[in-house]
């Protein structure tokens, strides 16, 4: 028995027979990472010859995955190459937005969509963390969440003695009640209209609302600012989120603008601050969230390799980066006058 070029050679007289391992043409083979003999990333092989990956080959595949652009065409209304239903304008009206968020399918999947992927999980953690730091610093006694949805945030706020959640969707309110009660929280929930809040003036020390104000045009936002300021006590505080146009717009174009069902306003930082100050809401704290958006979105693809937990750790670690050009701002404002 001899070994020649990695093949087993059995010599019998003058004849030598080469024995190679045969791989069935249609049977998928496990892909193993070379190195210390340990099995690593499992992905479908390129073909019957792709039986083993060396460590370098596995690293090359990972690098290619990080560089690979998302395959989605940039389409606009009227493009003849795309079916009309895929190029519809985003929902902008108050009634349309309320109907969209009352859809049982939207309600049932909302929490999973917001926190299922590593990127969204870290975004959720950062938003909740910002709110709880604000509450810890200000010690508000009466807190209101406008557009509470299914209680994604209200189920995780801490150190609040009296909390009210308001929404225009009955189905969202039912889910919010269920989630908060499951956590032993005795919050109150009210159905209402953000453009005409069902509360007396000066009722709350702190109001917060995420993924709501940005759905409306400038006229609608000005009405919302007036109502939110009205229900705050003098010197009360408002927390909201805002999307950075410089980061969000290129990403949305790459994804395909038609994939965004509801309208979102995108700001430059100076535009956002000027708009809030013009409404009598003075920004006291502006904190960037998802600070290395491009790399964090790339790391989010690790979930396809069943590496969700490491992806979350890496995405979370990048939040220690300087706050220069994030995808989202969390803003704490104080009511002037």
C-alpha atoms as a PDB file:
ATOM      1  CA  UNK A   1       0.000   0.000   0.000  1.00  0.00           C
ATOM      2  CA  UNK A   2       1.432   3.366  -1.031  1.00  0.00           C
ATOM      3  CA  UNK A   3       0.191   6.910  -1.188  1.00  0.00           C
ATOM      4  CA  UNK A   4       0.694   8.838  -4.408  1.00  0.00           C
ATOM      5  CA  UNK A   5      -0.545  12.439  -4.749  1.00  0.00           C
ATOM      6  CA  UNK A   6      -3.144  11.914  -2.035  1.00  0.00           C
ATOM      7  CA  UNK A   7      -4.613   8.744  -3.655  1.00  0.00           C
ATOM      8  CA  UNK A   8      -4.523   5.225  -2.330  1.00  0.00           C
ATOM      9  CA  UNK A   9      -2.621   2.882  -4.670  1.00  0.00           C
ATOM     10  CA  UNK A  10      -2.889  -0.873  -4.255  1.00  0.00           C
ATOM     11  CA  UNK A  11      -0.182  -2.745  -6.174  1.00  0.00           C
ATOM     12  CA  UNK A  12      -0.964  -6.263  -7.365  1.00  0.00           C
ATOM     13  CA  UNK A  13       1.755  -7.620  -9.504  1.00  0.00           C
ATOM     14  CA  UNK A  14       2.214  -5.421 -12.545  1.00  0.00           C
ATOM     15  CA  UNK A  15      -1.241  -3.816 -12.221  1.00  0.00           C
ATOM     16  CA  UNK A  16      -2.036  -0.876 -10.077  1.00  0.00           C
ATOM     17  CA  UNK A  17      -5.595   0.225  -9.337  1.00  0.00           C
ATOM     18  CA  UNK A  18      -6.356   3.802  -8.317  1.00  0.00           C
ATOM     19  CA  UNK A  19      -9.156   4.091  -5.758  1.00  0.00           C
ATOM     20  CA  UNK A  20     -10.876   7.443  -5.463  1.00  0.00           C
ATOM     21  CA  UNK A  21     -13.906   8.223  -3.392  1.00  0.00           C
ATOM     22  CA  UNK A  22     -16.924   8.666  -5.635  1.00  0.00           C
ATOM     23  CA  UNK A  23     -19.617  11.226  -4.879  1.00  0.00           C
ATOM     24  CA  UNK A  24     -23.117  10.606  -6.279  1.00  0.00           C
ATOM     25  CA  UNK A  25     -23.950  13.237  -8.877  1.00  0.00           C
ATOM     26  CA  UNK A  26     -27.275  14.151  -7.289  1.00  0.00           C
ATOM     27  CA  UNK A  27     -26.499  13.685  -3.627  1.00  0.00           C
ATOM     28  CA  UNK A  28     -25.616  16.932  -1.788  1.00  0.00           C
ATOM     29  CA  UNK A  29     -22.383  16.722   0.150  1.00  0.00           C
ATOM     30  CA  UNK A  30     -21.654  18.477   3.434  1.00  0.00           C
ATOM     31  CA  UNK A  31     -19.290  21.408   3.168  1.00  0.00           C
ATOM     32  CA  UNK A  32     -16.684  21.262   5.892  1.00  0.00           C
ATOM     33  CA  UNK A  33     -14.234  23.918   6.905  1.00  0.00           C
ATOM     34  CA  UNK A  34     -10.683  22.679   6.896  1.00  0.00           C
ATOM     35  CA  UNK A  35      -8.302  23.343   9.711  1.00  0.00           C
ATOM     36  CA  UNK A  36      -8.403  21.246  12.863  1.00  0.00           C
ATOM     37  CA  UNK A  37     -10.785  18.716  11.340  1.00  0.00           C
ATOM     38  CA  UNK A  38     -13.849  20.360  12.869  1.00  0.00           C
ATOM     39  CA  UNK A  39     -17.054  20.805  10.923  1.00  0.00           C
ATOM     40  CA  UNK A  40     -17.839  24.432  10.287  1.00  0.00           C
ATOM     41  CA  UNK A  41     -20.167  26.391   8.047  1.00  0.00           C
ATOM     42  CA  UNK A  42     -22.749  24.215   6.318  1.00  0.00           C
ATOM     43  CA  UNK A  43     -23.940  25.486   2.965  1.00  0.00           C
ATOM     44  CA  UNK A  44     -25.025  23.742  -0.245  1.00  0.00           C
ATOM     45  CA  UNK A  45     -21.915  22.760  -2.260  1.00  0.00           C
ATOM     46  CA  UNK A  46     -21.178  24.210  -5.664  1.00  0.00           C
ATOM     47  CA  UNK A  47     -21.185  20.697  -7.155  1.00  0.00           C
ATOM     48  CA  UNK A  48     -20.129  17.106  -6.526  1.00  0.00           C
ATOM     49  CA  UNK A  49     -16.463  18.093  -6.474  1.00  0.00           C
ATOM     50  CA  UNK A  50     -17.013  20.651  -3.674  1.00  0.00           C
ATOM     51  CA  UNK A  51     -16.611  18.246  -0.787  1.00  0.00           C
ATOM     52  CA  UNK A  52     -14.296  20.144   1.527  1.00  0.00           C
ATOM     53  CA  UNK A  53     -13.544  23.825   2.025  1.00  0.00           C
ATOM     54  CA  UNK A  54     -10.221  24.929   3.353  1.00  0.00           C
ATOM     55  CA  UNK A  55     -10.179  27.700   5.910  1.00  0.00           C
ATOM     56  CA  UNK A  56      -9.110  30.142   3.182  1.00  0.00           C
ATOM     57  CA  UNK A  57     -11.967  29.058   0.914  1.00  0.00           C
ATOM     58  CA  UNK A  58     -14.481  29.529   3.734  1.00  0.00           C
ATOM     59  CA  UNK A  59     -13.061  32.979   4.420  1.00  0.00           C
ATOM     60  CA  UNK A  60     -13.357  33.832   0.728  1.00  0.00           C
ATOM     61  CA  UNK A  61     -17.013  32.794   0.707  1.00  0.00           C
ATOM     62  CA  UNK A  62     -17.697  34.924   3.763  1.00  0.00           C
ATOM     63  CA  UNK A  63     -15.993  37.938   2.160  1.00  0.00           C
ATOM     64  CA  UNK A  64     -18.043  37.473  -1.016  1.00  0.00           C
ATOM     65  CA  UNK A  65     -21.226  37.361   1.044  1.00  0.00           C
ATOM     66  CA  UNK A  66     -20.307  40.637   2.730  1.00  0.00           C
ATOM     67  CA  UNK A  67     -19.652  42.327  -0.632  1.00  0.00           C
ATOM     68  CA  UNK A  68     -22.670  40.963  -2.470  1.00  0.00           C
ATOM     69  CA  UNK A  69     -25.234  43.663  -3.276  1.00  0.00           C
ATOM     70  CA  UNK A  70     -28.876  43.025  -2.695  1.00  0.00           C
ATOM     71  CA  UNK A  71     -30.587  41.974  -5.906  1.00  0.00           C
ATOM     72  CA  UNK A  72     -33.482  44.331  -6.327  1.00  0.00           C
ATOM     73  CA  UNK A  73     -34.291  46.578  -9.223  1.00  0.00           C
ATOM     74  CA  UNK A  74     -34.798  50.291  -8.749  1.00  0.00           C
ATOM     75  CA  UNK A  75     -38.310  50.916 -10.019  1.00  0.00           C
ATOM     76  CA  UNK A  76     -40.600  53.890 -10.146  1.00  0.00           C
ATOM     77  CA  UNK A  77     -44.318  54.370 -10.863  1.00  0.00           C
ATOM     78  CA  UNK A  78     -44.998  54.028 -14.580  1.00  0.00           C
ATOM     79  CA  UNK A  79     -42.065  51.723 -15.323  1.00  0.00           C
ATOM     80  CA  UNK A  80     -43.469  49.330 -17.993  1.00  0.00           C
ATOM     81  CA  UNK A  81     -41.153  46.518 -16.864  1.00  0.00           C
ATOM     82  CA  UNK A  82     -42.829  46.245 -13.471  1.00  0.00           C
ATOM     83  CA  UNK A  83     -46.415  45.216 -12.644  1.00  0.00           C
ATOM     84  CA  UNK A  84     -48.510  48.236 -11.523  1.00  0.00           C
ATOM     85  CA  UNK A  85     -49.172  46.783  -8.063  1.00  0.00           C
ATOM     86  CA  UNK A  86     -45.435  46.882  -7.248  1.00  0.00           C
ATOM     87  CA  UNK A  87     -45.043  50.601  -7.971  1.00  0.00           C
ATOM     88  CA  UNK A  88     -47.923  52.042  -5.973  1.00  0.00           C
ATOM     89  CA  UNK A  89     -47.394  55.296  -4.121  1.00  0.00           C
ATOM     90  CA  UNK A  90     -46.737  54.963  -0.371  1.00  0.00           C
ATOM     91  CA  UNK A  91     -49.672  55.522   1.960  1.00  0.00           C
ATOM     92  CA  UNK A  92     -49.774  59.151   3.106  1.00  0.00           C
ATOM     93  CA  UNK A  93     -53.281  59.828   4.437  1.00  0.00           C
ATOM     94  CA  UNK A  94     -54.266  59.527   8.076  1.00  0.00           C
ATOM     95  CA  UNK A  95     -57.119  57.144   7.279  1.00  0.00           C
ATOM     96  CA  UNK A  96     -54.911  55.017   5.019  1.00  0.00           C
ATOM     97  CA  UNK A  97     -52.194  54.719   7.654  1.00  0.00           C
ATOM     98  CA  UNK A  98     -54.744  53.804  10.317  1.00  0.00           C
ATOM     99  CA  UNK A  99     -56.256  51.140   8.055  1.00  0.00           C
ATOM    100  CA  UNK A 100     -52.819  49.713   7.256  1.00  0.00           C
ATOM    101  CA  UNK A 101     -51.828  49.384  10.912  1.00  0.00           C
ATOM    102  CA  UNK A 102     -55.175  47.859  11.864  1.00  0.00           C
ATOM    103  CA  UNK A 103     -54.711  45.012   9.374  1.00  0.00           C
ATOM    104  CA  UNK A 104     -54.608  41.749  11.397  1.00  0.00           C
ATOM    105  CA  UNK A 105     -51.676  40.473   9.319  1.00  0.00           C
ATOM    106  CA  UNK A 106     -49.657  43.628  10.043  1.00  0.00           C
ATOM    107  CA  UNK A 107     -50.550  43.479  13.745  1.00  0.00           C
ATOM    108  CA  UNK A 108     -49.686  39.794  14.018  1.00  0.00           C
ATOM    109  CA  UNK A 109     -46.284  40.118  12.373  1.00  0.00           C
ATOM    110  CA  UNK A 110     -45.254  43.557  13.662  1.00  0.00           C
ATOM    111  CA  UNK A 111     -43.139  42.479  16.636  1.00  0.00           C
ATOM    112  CA  UNK A 112     -41.420  39.709  14.673  1.00  0.00           C
ATOM    113  CA  UNK A 113     -40.544  42.098  11.846  1.00  0.00           C
ATOM    114  CA  UNK A 114     -39.175  44.701  14.245  1.00  0.00           C
ATOM    115  CA  UNK A 115     -36.907  42.373  16.245  1.00  0.00           C
ATOM    116  CA  UNK A 116     -36.390  39.148  14.282  1.00  0.00           C
ATOM    117  CA  UNK A 117     -33.161  40.030  12.460  1.00  0.00           C
ATOM    118  CA  UNK A 118     -29.897  40.921  14.261  1.00  0.00           C
ATOM    119  CA  UNK A 119     -29.934  44.479  12.868  1.00  0.00           C
ATOM    120  CA  UNK A 120     -33.515  45.144  13.986  1.00  0.00           C
ATOM    121  CA  UNK A 121     -32.876  43.580  17.382  1.00  0.00           C
ATOM    122  CA  UNK A 122     -30.013  45.992  18.063  1.00  0.00           C
ATOM    123  CA  UNK A 123     -32.077  48.945  16.792  1.00  0.00           C
ATOM    124  CA  UNK A 124     -34.874  47.969  19.188  1.00  0.00           C
ATOM    125  CA  UNK A 125     -32.408  47.662  22.080  1.00  0.00           C
ATOM    126  CA  UNK A 126     -30.981  51.107  21.360  1.00  0.00           C
ATOM    127  CA  UNK A 127     -34.422  52.726  21.218  1.00  0.00           C
ATOM    128  CA  UNK A 128     -35.538  51.107  24.471  1.00  0.00           C
ATOM    129  CA  UNK A 129     -32.220  51.996  26.098  1.00  0.00           C
ATOM    130  CA  UNK A 130     -32.561  55.652  25.099  1.00  0.00           C
ATOM    131  CA  UNK A 131     -36.096  55.825  26.513  1.00  0.00           C
ATOM    132  CA  UNK A 132     -35.134  54.212  29.793  1.00  0.00           C
ATOM    133  CA  UNK A 133     -32.141  56.545  30.211  1.00  0.00           C
ATOM    134  CA  UNK A 134     -34.387  59.559  29.614  1.00  0.00           C
ATOM    135  CA  UNK A 135     -36.922  58.249  32.122  1.00  0.00           C
ATOM    136  CA  UNK A 136     -34.155  57.580  34.634  1.00  0.00           C
ATOM    137  CA  UNK A 137     -32.791  61.117  34.233  1.00  0.00           C
ATOM    138  CA  UNK A 138     -36.106  63.019  34.224  1.00  0.00           C
ATOM    139  CA  UNK A 139     -38.138  60.882  36.659  1.00  0.00           C
ATOM    140  CA  UNK A 140     -41.494  61.670  34.990  1.00  0.00           C
ATOM    141  CA  UNK A 141     -44.629  60.741  36.910  1.00  0.00           C
ATOM    142  CA  UNK A 142     -47.104  60.712  34.007  1.00  0.00           C
ATOM    143  CA  UNK A 143     -46.010  59.269  30.670  1.00  0.00           C
ATOM    144  CA  UNK A 144     -47.883  58.943  27.371  1.00  0.00           C
ATOM    145  CA  UNK A 145     -46.932  56.893  24.323  1.00  0.00           C
ATOM    146  CA  UNK A 146     -48.668  58.040  21.140  1.00  0.00           C
ATOM    147  CA  UNK A 147     -49.044  55.345  18.446  1.00  0.00           C
ATOM    148  CA  UNK A 148     -48.262  52.627  20.962  1.00  0.00           C
ATOM    149  CA  UNK A 149     -48.811  49.884  18.376  1.00  0.00           C
ATOM    150  CA  UNK A 150     -48.560  46.366  19.839  1.00  0.00           C
ATOM    151  CA  UNK A 151     -46.601  47.598  22.852  1.00  0.00           C
ATOM    152  CA  UNK A 152     -43.125  46.971  21.461  1.00  0.00           C
ATOM    153  CA  UNK A 153     -41.702  49.827  23.559  1.00  0.00           C
ATOM    154  CA  UNK A 154     -44.237  50.250  26.359  1.00  0.00           C
ATOM    155  CA  UNK A 155     -43.722  46.641  27.452  1.00  0.00           C
ATOM    156  CA  UNK A 156     -40.081  47.458  28.204  1.00  0.00           C
ATOM    157  CA  UNK A 157     -40.084  50.928  29.777  1.00  0.00           C
ATOM    158  CA  UNK A 158     -39.079  51.038  33.440  1.00  0.00           C
ATOM    159  CA  UNK A 159     -39.461  53.249  36.510  1.00  0.00           C
ATOM    160  CA  UNK A 160     -42.790  54.784  35.464  1.00  0.00           C
ATOM    161  CA  UNK A 161     -45.632  55.110  37.962  1.00  0.00           C
ATOM    162  CA  UNK A 162     -48.416  56.047  35.520  1.00  0.00           C
ATOM    163  CA  UNK A 163     -48.233  55.060  31.849  1.00  0.00           C
ATOM    164  CA  UNK A 164     -50.852  55.560  29.121  1.00  0.00           C
ATOM    165  CA  UNK A 165     -50.658  54.097  25.620  1.00  0.00           C
ATOM    166  CA  UNK A 166     -52.785  55.580  22.840  1.00  0.00           C
ATOM    167  CA  UNK A 167     -53.404  54.291  19.329  1.00  0.00           C
ATOM    168  CA  UNK A 168     -56.015  54.586  16.594  1.00  0.00           C
ATOM    169  CA  UNK A 169     -55.960  50.856  15.818  1.00  0.00           C
ATOM    170  CA  UNK A 170     -58.191  48.604  17.965  1.00  0.00           C
ATOM    171  CA  UNK A 171     -56.201  45.526  16.953  1.00  0.00           C
ATOM    172  CA  UNK A 172     -52.896  47.129  17.934  1.00  0.00           C
ATOM    173  CA  UNK A 173     -54.335  48.179  21.296  1.00  0.00           C
ATOM    174  CA  UNK A 174     -55.557  44.646  21.993  1.00  0.00           C
ATOM    175  CA  UNK A 175     -52.078  43.271  21.324  1.00  0.00           C
ATOM    176  CA  UNK A 176     -50.471  45.982  23.495  1.00  0.00           C
ATOM    177  CA  UNK A 177     -52.758  45.090  26.407  1.00  0.00           C
ATOM    178  CA  UNK A 178     -51.929  41.409  26.037  1.00  0.00           C
ATOM    179  CA  UNK A 179     -48.153  41.965  25.927  1.00  0.00           C
ATOM    180  CA  UNK A 180     -47.977  44.376  28.866  1.00  0.00           C
ATOM    181  CA  UNK A 181     -50.241  42.252  31.069  1.00  0.00           C
ATOM    182  CA  UNK A 182     -48.087  39.219  30.311  1.00  0.00           C
ATOM    183  CA  UNK A 183     -45.189  41.194  31.813  1.00  0.00           C
ATOM    184  CA  UNK A 184     -47.154  42.229  34.877  1.00  0.00           C
ATOM    185  CA  UNK A 185     -47.519  45.886  33.831  1.00  0.00           C
ATOM    186  CA  UNK A 186     -50.742  47.712  34.680  1.00  0.00           C
ATOM    187  CA  UNK A 187     -50.627  50.341  31.915  1.00  0.00           C
ATOM    188  CA  UNK A 188     -53.753  52.078  30.628  1.00  0.00           C
ATOM    189  CA  UNK A 189     -54.633  52.033  26.923  1.00  0.00           C
ATOM    190  CA  UNK A 190     -56.881  54.459  25.077  1.00  0.00           C
ATOM    191  CA  UNK A 191     -58.097  54.586  21.497  1.00  0.00           C
ATOM    192  CA  UNK A 192     -57.592  58.048  20.072  1.00  0.00           C
ATOM    193  CA  UNK A 193     -56.429  60.297  17.257  1.00  0.00           C
ATOM    194  CA  UNK A 194     -52.933  61.777  17.377  1.00  0.00           C
ATOM    195  CA  UNK A 195     -54.215  64.895  15.591  1.00  0.00           C
ATOM    196  CA  UNK A 196     -56.749  65.512  18.372  1.00  0.00           C
ATOM    197  CA  UNK A 197     -55.472  63.872  21.530  1.00  0.00           C
ATOM    198  CA  UNK A 198     -58.217  62.893  24.013  1.00  0.00           C
ATOM    199  CA  UNK A 199     -56.398  64.408  27.000  1.00  0.00           C
ATOM    200  CA  UNK A 200     -56.541  67.701  28.855  1.00  0.00           C
ATOM    201  CA  UNK A 201     -53.774  70.245  28.361  1.00  0.00           C
ATOM    202  CA  UNK A 202     -50.721  69.735  30.572  1.00  0.00           C
ATOM    203  CA  UNK A 203     -51.601  66.125  31.435  1.00  0.00           C
ATOM    204  CA  UNK A 204     -48.165  64.533  31.014  1.00  0.00           C
ATOM    205  CA  UNK A 205     -44.553  65.034  32.050  1.00  0.00           C
ATOM    206  CA  UNK A 206     -43.185  62.995  29.139  1.00  0.00           C
ATOM    207  CA  UNK A 207     -44.633  61.978  25.779  1.00  0.00           C
ATOM    208  CA  UNK A 208     -42.838  59.669  23.379  1.00  0.00           C
ATOM    209  CA  UNK A 209     -43.758  58.474  19.901  1.00  0.00           C
ATOM    210  CA  UNK A 210     -41.676  56.445  17.454  1.00  0.00           C
ATOM    211  CA  UNK A 211     -42.367  55.550  13.822  1.00  0.00           C
ATOM    212  CA  UNK A 212     -45.359  57.908  13.736  1.00  0.00           C
ATOM    213  CA  UNK A 213     -44.574  61.588  13.136  1.00  0.00           C
ATOM    214  CA  UNK A 214     -42.372  60.727  10.174  1.00  0.00           C
ATOM    215  CA  UNK A 215     -45.333  59.188   8.288  1.00  0.00           C
ATOM    216  CA  UNK A 216     -46.897  62.607   7.595  1.00  0.00           C
ATOM    217  CA  UNK A 217     -46.128  65.646   5.454  1.00  0.00           C
ATOM    218  CA  UNK A 218     -45.054  69.001   6.879  1.00  0.00           C
ATOM    219  CA  UNK A 219     -48.609  70.247   7.449  1.00  0.00           C
ATOM    220  CA  UNK A 220     -49.584  67.071   9.274  1.00  0.00           C
ATOM    221  CA  UNK A 221     -46.432  67.126  11.380  1.00  0.00           C
ATOM    222  CA  UNK A 222     -47.076  70.702  12.479  1.00  0.00           C
ATOM    223  CA  UNK A 223     -50.540  69.682  13.699  1.00  0.00           C
ATOM    224  CA  UNK A 224     -49.038  66.746  15.584  1.00  0.00           C
ATOM    225  CA  UNK A 225     -46.390  68.951  17.208  1.00  0.00           C
ATOM    226  CA  UNK A 226     -49.073  71.357  18.458  1.00  0.00           C
ATOM    227  CA  UNK A 227     -51.116  68.544  19.992  1.00  0.00           C
ATOM    228  CA  UNK A 228     -48.123  66.842  21.576  1.00  0.00           C
ATOM    229  CA  UNK A 229     -46.941  70.124  23.052  1.00  0.00           C
ATOM    230  CA  UNK A 230     -50.460  70.915  24.318  1.00  0.00           C
ATOM    231  CA  UNK A 231     -50.745  67.764  26.444  1.00  0.00           C
ATOM    232  CA  UNK A 232     -47.291  68.317  27.968  1.00  0.00           C
ATOM    233  CA  UNK A 233     -46.986  70.277  31.179  1.00  0.00           C
ATOM    234  CA  UNK A 234     -44.923  73.495  30.902  1.00  0.00           C
ATOM    235  CA  UNK A 235     -41.326  72.420  30.426  1.00  0.00           C
ATOM    236  CA  UNK A 236     -42.367  68.828  29.686  1.00  0.00           C
ATOM    237  CA  UNK A 237     -40.421  66.587  27.323  1.00  0.00           C
ATOM    238  CA  UNK A 238     -41.049  64.780  24.041  1.00  0.00           C
ATOM    239  CA  UNK A 239     -39.056  61.863  22.582  1.00  0.00           C
ATOM    240  CA  UNK A 240     -39.263  61.002  18.884  1.00  0.00           C
ATOM    241  CA  UNK A 241     -37.212  59.301  16.195  1.00  0.00           C
ATOM    242  CA  UNK A 242     -36.126  60.631  12.796  1.00  0.00           C
ATOM    243  CA  UNK A 243     -34.484  59.116   9.721  1.00  0.00           C
ATOM    244  CA  UNK A 244     -31.237  60.524   8.319  1.00  0.00           C
ATOM    245  CA  UNK A 245     -31.750  61.295   4.623  1.00  0.00           C
ATOM    246  CA  UNK A 246     -28.050  60.931   3.782  1.00  0.00           C
ATOM    247  CA  UNK A 247     -28.082  57.308   4.941  1.00  0.00           C
ATOM    248  CA  UNK A 248     -31.680  56.153   4.547  1.00  0.00           C
ATOM    249  CA  UNK A 249     -32.405  57.425   1.045  1.00  0.00           C
ATOM    250  CA  UNK A 250     -29.570  55.559  -0.757  1.00  0.00           C
ATOM    251  CA  UNK A 251     -30.534  52.378   1.095  1.00  0.00           C
ATOM    252  CA  UNK A 252     -34.206  52.751   0.149  1.00  0.00           C
ATOM    253  CA  UNK A 253     -33.355  53.339  -3.499  1.00  0.00           C
ATOM    254  CA  UNK A 254     -31.199  50.206  -3.501  1.00  0.00           C
ATOM    255  CA  UNK A 255     -33.954  48.172  -1.857  1.00  0.00           C
ATOM    256  CA  UNK A 256     -36.555  49.503  -4.273  1.00  0.00           C
ATOM    257  CA  UNK A 257     -38.722  52.462  -3.305  1.00  0.00           C
ATOM    258  CA  UNK A 258     -41.871  50.458  -4.035  1.00  0.00           C
ATOM    259  CA  UNK A 259     -41.106  48.135  -1.095  1.00  0.00           C
ATOM    260  CA  UNK A 260     -41.934  50.877   1.442  1.00  0.00           C
ATOM    261  CA  UNK A 261     -45.686  50.759   1.964  1.00  0.00           C
ATOM    262  CA  UNK A 262     -46.071  53.835   4.183  1.00  0.00           C
ATOM    263  CA  UNK A 263     -44.605  57.287   3.563  1.00  0.00           C
ATOM    264  CA  UNK A 264     -41.588  58.309   5.655  1.00  0.00           C
ATOM    265  CA  UNK A 265     -40.127  61.796   5.908  1.00  0.00           C
ATOM    266  CA  UNK A 266     -36.308  61.852   5.777  1.00  0.00           C
ATOM    267  CA  UNK A 267     -34.354  64.753   7.273  1.00  0.00           C
ATOM    268  CA  UNK A 268     -30.969  66.337   7.310  1.00  0.00           C
ATOM    269  CA  UNK A 269     -29.891  67.013  10.889  1.00  0.00           C
ATOM    270  CA  UNK A 270     -30.118  70.798  10.561  1.00  0.00           C
ATOM    271  CA  UNK A 271     -33.571  70.539   8.940  1.00  0.00           C
ATOM    272  CA  UNK A 272     -34.838  68.384  11.784  1.00  0.00           C
ATOM    273  CA  UNK A 273     -33.586  70.739  14.484  1.00  0.00           C
ATOM    274  CA  UNK A 274     -35.015  73.791  12.699  1.00  0.00           C
ATOM    275  CA  UNK A 275     -38.394  72.088  12.282  1.00  0.00           C
ATOM    276  CA  UNK A 276     -38.626  71.152  15.958  1.00  0.00           C
ATOM    277  CA  UNK A 277     -37.509  74.568  17.172  1.00  0.00           C
ATOM    278  CA  UNK A 278     -40.081  76.187  14.887  1.00  0.00           C
ATOM    279  CA  UNK A 279     -42.748  74.091  16.606  1.00  0.00           C
ATOM    280  CA  UNK A 280     -41.647  75.258  20.066  1.00  0.00           C
ATOM    281  CA  UNK A 281     -39.871  71.985  20.882  1.00  0.00           C
ATOM    282  CA  UNK A 282     -36.226  72.607  21.756  1.00  0.00           C
ATOM    283  CA  UNK A 283     -33.910  69.615  21.120  1.00  0.00           C
ATOM    284  CA  UNK A 284     -31.970  68.835  24.300  1.00  0.00           C
ATOM    285  CA  UNK A 285     -30.407  65.552  23.227  1.00  0.00           C
ATOM    286  CA  UNK A 286     -29.881  64.131  19.725  1.00  0.00           C
ATOM    287  CA  UNK A 287     -28.368  60.653  19.740  1.00  0.00           C
ATOM    288  CA  UNK A 288     -27.414  58.674  16.646  1.00  0.00           C
ATOM    289  CA  UNK A 289     -28.521  55.057  16.408  1.00  0.00           C
ATOM    290  CA  UNK A 290     -27.134  52.461  13.977  1.00  0.00           C
ATOM    291  CA  UNK A 291     -23.967  54.469  13.570  1.00  0.00           C
ATOM    292  CA  UNK A 292     -22.208  52.281  10.994  1.00  0.00           C
ATOM    293  CA  UNK A 293     -25.260  51.488   8.926  1.00  0.00           C
ATOM    294  CA  UNK A 294     -23.580  50.036   5.822  1.00  0.00           C
ATOM    295  CA  UNK A 295     -21.398  47.601   7.749  1.00  0.00           C
ATOM    296  CA  UNK A 296     -24.190  46.762  10.161  1.00  0.00           C
ATOM    297  CA  UNK A 297     -26.497  45.854   7.263  1.00  0.00           C
ATOM    298  CA  UNK A 298     -23.742  43.678   5.784  1.00  0.00           C
ATOM    299  CA  UNK A 299     -23.203  41.922   9.093  1.00  0.00           C
ATOM    300  CA  UNK A 300     -26.943  41.327   9.225  1.00  0.00           C
ATOM    301  CA  UNK A 301     -26.464  38.870   6.313  1.00  0.00           C
ATOM    302  CA  UNK A 302     -24.643  36.500   8.646  1.00  0.00           C
ATOM    303  CA  UNK A 303     -28.068  35.243   9.654  1.00  0.00           C
ATOM    304  CA  UNK A 304     -28.137  33.366   6.331  1.00  0.00           C
ATOM    305  CA  UNK A 305     -25.186  31.336   7.646  1.00  0.00           C
ATOM    306  CA  UNK A 306     -27.023  30.673  10.925  1.00  0.00           C
ATOM    307  CA  UNK A 307     -24.727  33.114  12.698  1.00  0.00           C
ATOM    308  CA  UNK A 308     -27.373  35.424  14.162  1.00  0.00           C
ATOM    309  CA  UNK A 309     -25.883  35.688  17.695  1.00  0.00           C
ATOM    310  CA  UNK A 310     -22.364  36.640  16.483  1.00  0.00           C
ATOM    311  CA  UNK A 311     -23.941  39.102  14.051  1.00  0.00           C
ATOM    312  CA  UNK A 312     -25.809  40.800  16.907  1.00  0.00           C
ATOM    313  CA  UNK A 313     -22.608  41.083  18.934  1.00  0.00           C
ATOM    314  CA  UNK A 314     -20.724  42.677  16.041  1.00  0.00           C
ATOM    315  CA  UNK A 315     -23.568  45.042  15.124  1.00  0.00           C
ATOM    316  CA  UNK A 316     -23.899  46.039  18.772  1.00  0.00           C
ATOM    317  CA  UNK A 317     -20.144  46.636  19.053  1.00  0.00           C
ATOM    318  CA  UNK A 318     -20.253  49.099  16.143  1.00  0.00           C
ATOM    319  CA  UNK A 319     -22.648  51.264  18.175  1.00  0.00           C
ATOM    320  CA  UNK A 320     -19.586  52.368  20.152  1.00  0.00           C
ATOM    321  CA  UNK A 321     -18.390  54.174  17.019  1.00  0.00           C
ATOM    322  CA  UNK A 322     -18.458  57.991  16.901  1.00  0.00           C
ATOM    323  CA  UNK A 323     -21.892  59.465  16.263  1.00  0.00           C
ATOM    324  CA  UNK A 324     -21.200  61.120  12.888  1.00  0.00           C
ATOM    325  CA  UNK A 325     -23.631  59.852  10.271  1.00  0.00           C
ATOM    326  CA  UNK A 326     -26.159  57.390  11.764  1.00  0.00           C
ATOM    327  CA  UNK A 327     -29.236  56.060  10.011  1.00  0.00           C
ATOM    328  CA  UNK A 328     -31.585  57.157  12.819  1.00  0.00           C
ATOM    329  CA  UNK A 329     -31.687  59.872  15.451  1.00  0.00           C
ATOM    330  CA  UNK A 330     -33.366  59.581  18.821  1.00  0.00           C
ATOM    331  CA  UNK A 331     -34.347  63.089  19.898  1.00  0.00           C
ATOM    332  CA  UNK A 332     -35.289  64.453  23.319  1.00  0.00           C
ATOM    333  CA  UNK A 333     -37.089  67.815  23.117  1.00  0.00           C
ATOM    334  CA  UNK A 334     -38.363  70.193  25.770  1.00  0.00           C
ATOM    335  CA  UNK A 335     -41.527  72.216  25.328  1.00  0.00           C
ATOM    336  CA  UNK A 336     -40.612  75.899  25.167  1.00  0.00           C
ATOM    337  CA  UNK A 337     -42.569  78.555  27.029  1.00  0.00           C
END
